[in-house]
Amino acid sequence: MDLVYCPKCGKEQPPDTQYCDRCGQKINEPVNRVRIDLFRDYSKTEWLDGVGFGVFLIVVASVLLRYSWFFDEFSSWLKTWQYTGPTMIPPNLIPPIFYFFVLMGAWGILEGLIRISLGAKLSRGLRNMVGGGFSIGVAFILRTYSLGRLSHSNIFPAFIILFALMIIISGIVTGIDNRK
């Protein structure tokens, strides 16, 4: 006696049955299965997300290689917060932070250009570029502060304005692909 299995759910069936008693699938009819592919192409540029994380790790490593003292100084600054609360970034920490934000901003702009050139949604590439511009804006504000051209009392409002501009521009850019 040959065993018969449902082609859809795999349940064993009597040999003379026409329909599965579990799922109702016709026994001698092929089933259209949904192929699950972990590497399916969601868009032409999704691979850039992984590349971006790799770039982030390389940028962090390059900051630590260029400014080997940074981690210790940054940790010491954070430890002072338990006594004083949050304080402004010490001037000696601004160059490595500036370097980090400039490199990440440059990557964001490059990533956006790559996405656009490979045919991704225009808004996706432009949002990457806006994020890159935001990172460079953060670097610019920190550098301006470290040079004494931006006062302690004006740095927080400068960040709020930069953040608001990023939100506004991102909203406009998102609307580009949503037009009818």
Protein backbone atom coordinates (compact mmCIF):
# COMPACT_ATOMS: atom_id res chain seq x y z
CA MET A 1 0.00 0.00 0.00
CA ASP A 2 1.49 3.31 -1.10
CA LEU A 3 1.34 6.22 1.29
CA VAL A 4 -0.17 9.43 -0.01
CA TYR A 5 0.78 12.81 1.41
CA CYS A 6 -0.90 16.16 0.92
CA PRO A 7 1.25 18.29 -1.42
CA LYS A 8 0.38 21.42 0.58
CA CYS A 9 0.57 20.51 4.28
CA GLY A 10 2.29 17.10 4.13
CA LYS A 11 -0.29 15.18 6.18
CA GLU A 12 -0.53 11.46 5.41
CA GLN A 13 -3.80 10.59 3.61
CA PRO A 14 -5.62 7.38 2.68
CA PRO A 15 -4.63 6.26 -0.83
CA ASP A 16 -8.08 6.77 -2.36
CA THR A 17 -8.72 10.28 -0.98
CA GLN A 18 -9.14 13.22 -3.33
CA TYR A 19 -8.87 16.10 -0.78
CA CYS A 20 -6.71 16.55 2.31
CA ASP A 21 -8.73 16.17 5.48
CA ARG A 22 -6.53 18.81 7.19
CA CYS A 23 -6.23 21.67 4.69
CA GLY A 24 -8.61 20.77 1.87
CA GLN A 25 -5.97 20.71 -0.87
CA LYS A 26 -6.73 18.49 -3.84
CA ILE A 27 -4.28 15.57 -3.52
CA ASN A 28 -3.24 15.12 -7.15
CA GLU A 29 -3.00 18.84 -7.94
CA PRO A 30 0.30 20.74 -7.77
CA VAL A 31 0.60 23.44 -5.15
CA ASN A 32 1.91 26.92 -5.83
CA ARG A 33 4.37 27.44 -3.04
CA VAL A 34 5.71 30.79 -1.97
CA ARG A 35 9.47 30.74 -2.26
CA ILE A 36 11.18 32.23 0.74
CA ASP A 37 14.48 33.66 -0.32
CA LEU A 38 16.57 35.34 2.34
CA PHE A 39 18.52 37.16 -0.34
CA ARG A 40 15.60 38.34 -2.45
CA ASP A 41 15.98 41.69 -4.12
CA TYR A 42 13.83 44.12 -2.15
CA SER A 43 15.34 46.93 -4.17
CA LYS A 44 18.44 47.40 -6.21
CA THR A 45 20.33 49.01 -3.35
CA GLU A 46 19.43 47.25 -0.09
CA TRP A 47 22.97 45.83 0.03
CA LEU A 48 24.11 49.37 0.85
CA ASP A 49 22.60 49.01 4.34
CA GLY A 50 25.19 46.36 5.18
CA VAL A 51 27.94 48.37 3.52
CA GLY A 52 26.87 51.38 5.59
CA PHE A 53 27.30 49.44 8.82
CA GLY A 54 30.76 48.36 7.66
CA VAL A 55 31.62 51.99 6.87
CA PHE A 56 30.42 53.00 10.34
CA LEU A 57 32.72 50.43 11.98
CA ILE A 58 35.67 51.55 9.85
CA VAL A 59 35.02 55.21 10.74
CA VAL A 60 34.87 54.37 14.46
CA ALA A 61 38.11 52.39 14.16
CA SER A 62 39.80 55.21 12.24
CA VAL A 63 38.78 57.72 14.94
CA LEU A 64 40.24 55.43 17.61
CA LEU A 65 43.42 54.90 15.59
CA ARG A 66 43.88 58.59 14.85
CA TYR A 67 42.94 59.72 18.37
CA SER A 68 44.06 56.78 20.52
CA TRP A 69 43.36 58.72 23.72
CA PHE A 70 39.72 59.46 22.77
CA PHE A 71 37.98 56.56 24.51
CA ASP A 72 39.68 57.24 27.86
CA GLU A 73 39.03 60.98 27.68
CA PHE A 74 35.42 60.48 26.58
CA SER A 75 34.82 57.99 29.43
CA SER A 76 36.37 60.39 31.95
CA TRP A 77 34.12 63.20 30.74
CA LEU A 78 31.02 61.01 31.06
CA LYS A 79 32.06 59.94 34.59
CA THR A 80 32.10 63.60 35.69
CA TRP A 81 28.38 63.73 34.95
CA GLN A 82 27.60 61.76 38.11
CA TYR A 83 28.77 64.81 40.11
CA THR A 84 27.98 67.72 37.81
CA GLY A 85 25.28 66.43 35.49
CA PRO A 86 25.69 66.73 31.72
CA THR A 87 28.24 69.33 30.69
CA MET A 88 29.45 70.69 27.37
CA ILE A 89 31.90 68.63 25.38
CA PRO A 90 35.45 69.47 26.44
CA PRO A 91 37.40 71.21 23.64
CA ASN A 92 39.92 68.35 23.38
CA LEU A 93 37.11 65.92 22.40
CA ILE A 94 35.75 68.04 19.55
CA PRO A 95 38.37 67.18 16.88
CA PRO A 96 37.73 63.40 16.98
CA ILE A 97 33.95 63.93 17.14
CA PHE A 98 34.21 66.40 14.24
CA TYR A 99 36.23 63.86 12.26
CA PHE A 100 33.62 61.14 12.93
CA PHE A 101 30.66 63.27 11.85
CA VAL A 102 32.40 64.56 8.72
CA LEU A 103 33.30 61.02 7.59
CA MET A 104 29.81 59.68 8.33
CA GLY A 105 28.26 62.67 6.59
CA ALA A 106 30.42 62.12 3.52
CA TRP A 107 29.34 58.46 3.48
CA GLY A 108 25.65 59.45 3.74
CA ILE A 109 25.95 61.76 0.75
CA LEU A 110 27.89 59.16 -1.25
CA GLU A 111 25.41 56.43 -0.32
CA GLY A 112 22.54 58.60 -1.50
CA LEU A 113 24.26 59.27 -4.82
CA ILE A 114 24.93 55.55 -5.28
CA ARG A 115 21.30 54.68 -4.53
CA ILE A 116 20.03 57.25 -7.03
CA SER A 117 22.50 56.17 -9.72
CA LEU A 118 21.45 52.51 -9.29
CA GLY A 119 17.78 53.32 -9.73
CA ALA A 120 16.47 53.24 -6.16
CA LYS A 121 13.57 55.47 -5.24
CA LEU A 122 14.72 59.06 -5.55
CA SER A 123 13.43 59.89 -2.08
CA ARG A 124 15.50 57.06 -0.52
CA GLY A 125 18.71 58.39 -2.02
CA LEU A 126 17.85 61.97 -1.14
CA ARG A 127 17.06 60.99 2.46
CA ASN A 128 20.52 59.44 2.71
CA MET A 129 21.97 62.69 1.42
CA VAL A 130 19.92 64.74 3.92
CA GLY A 131 21.21 62.53 6.74
CA GLY A 132 24.75 63.01 5.47
CA GLY A 133 24.21 66.76 5.38
CA PHE A 134 22.86 66.60 8.95
CA SER A 135 26.03 64.82 10.13
CA ILE A 136 28.20 67.44 8.47
CA GLY A 137 26.01 70.14 10.06
CA VAL A 138 26.64 68.61 13.50
CA ALA A 139 30.37 68.65 12.78
CA PHE A 140 30.17 72.28 11.64
CA ILE A 141 28.30 73.37 14.80
CA LEU A 142 30.81 71.59 17.06
CA ARG A 143 33.75 73.08 15.18
CA THR A 144 32.23 76.57 15.26
CA TYR A 145 31.72 76.19 19.01
CA SER A 146 35.29 74.96 19.56
CA LEU A 147 36.64 77.99 17.69
CA GLY A 148 34.67 80.33 19.97
CA ARG A 149 32.36 81.52 17.18
CA LEU A 150 29.29 79.99 18.83
CA SER A 151 28.55 80.60 22.49
CA HIS A 152 27.72 77.96 25.04
CA SER A 153 24.16 79.29 25.27
CA ASN A 154 23.64 79.14 21.48
CA ILE A 155 24.86 75.62 20.75
CA PHE A 156 21.64 73.87 21.85
CA PRO A 157 19.37 76.15 19.76
CA ALA A 158 21.74 75.61 16.80
CA PHE A 159 21.24 71.84 17.11
CA ILE A 160 17.47 72.29 17.37
CA ILE A 161 17.44 74.39 14.20
CA LEU A 162 19.62 71.86 12.38
CA PHE A 163 17.36 69.00 13.50
CA ALA A 164 14.22 70.91 12.47
CA LEU A 165 15.71 71.60 9.03
CA MET A 166 16.51 67.91 8.62
CA ILE A 167 12.91 66.97 9.51
CA ILE A 168 11.46 69.54 7.12
CA ILE A 169 13.72 68.58 4.22
CA SER A 170 13.17 64.85 4.86
CA GLY A 171 9.41 65.40 4.80
CA ILE A 172 9.63 67.25 1.49
CA VAL A 173 11.92 64.60 0.02
CA THR A 174 9.62 61.77 1.15
CA GLY A 175 6.78 63.46 -0.74
CA ILE A 176 8.74 63.26 -4.01
CA ASP A 177 7.98 59.56 -4.59
CA ASN A 178 4.51 59.81 -3.10
CA ARG A 179 3.22 62.28 -5.70
CA LYS A 180 0.45 61.09 -7.98
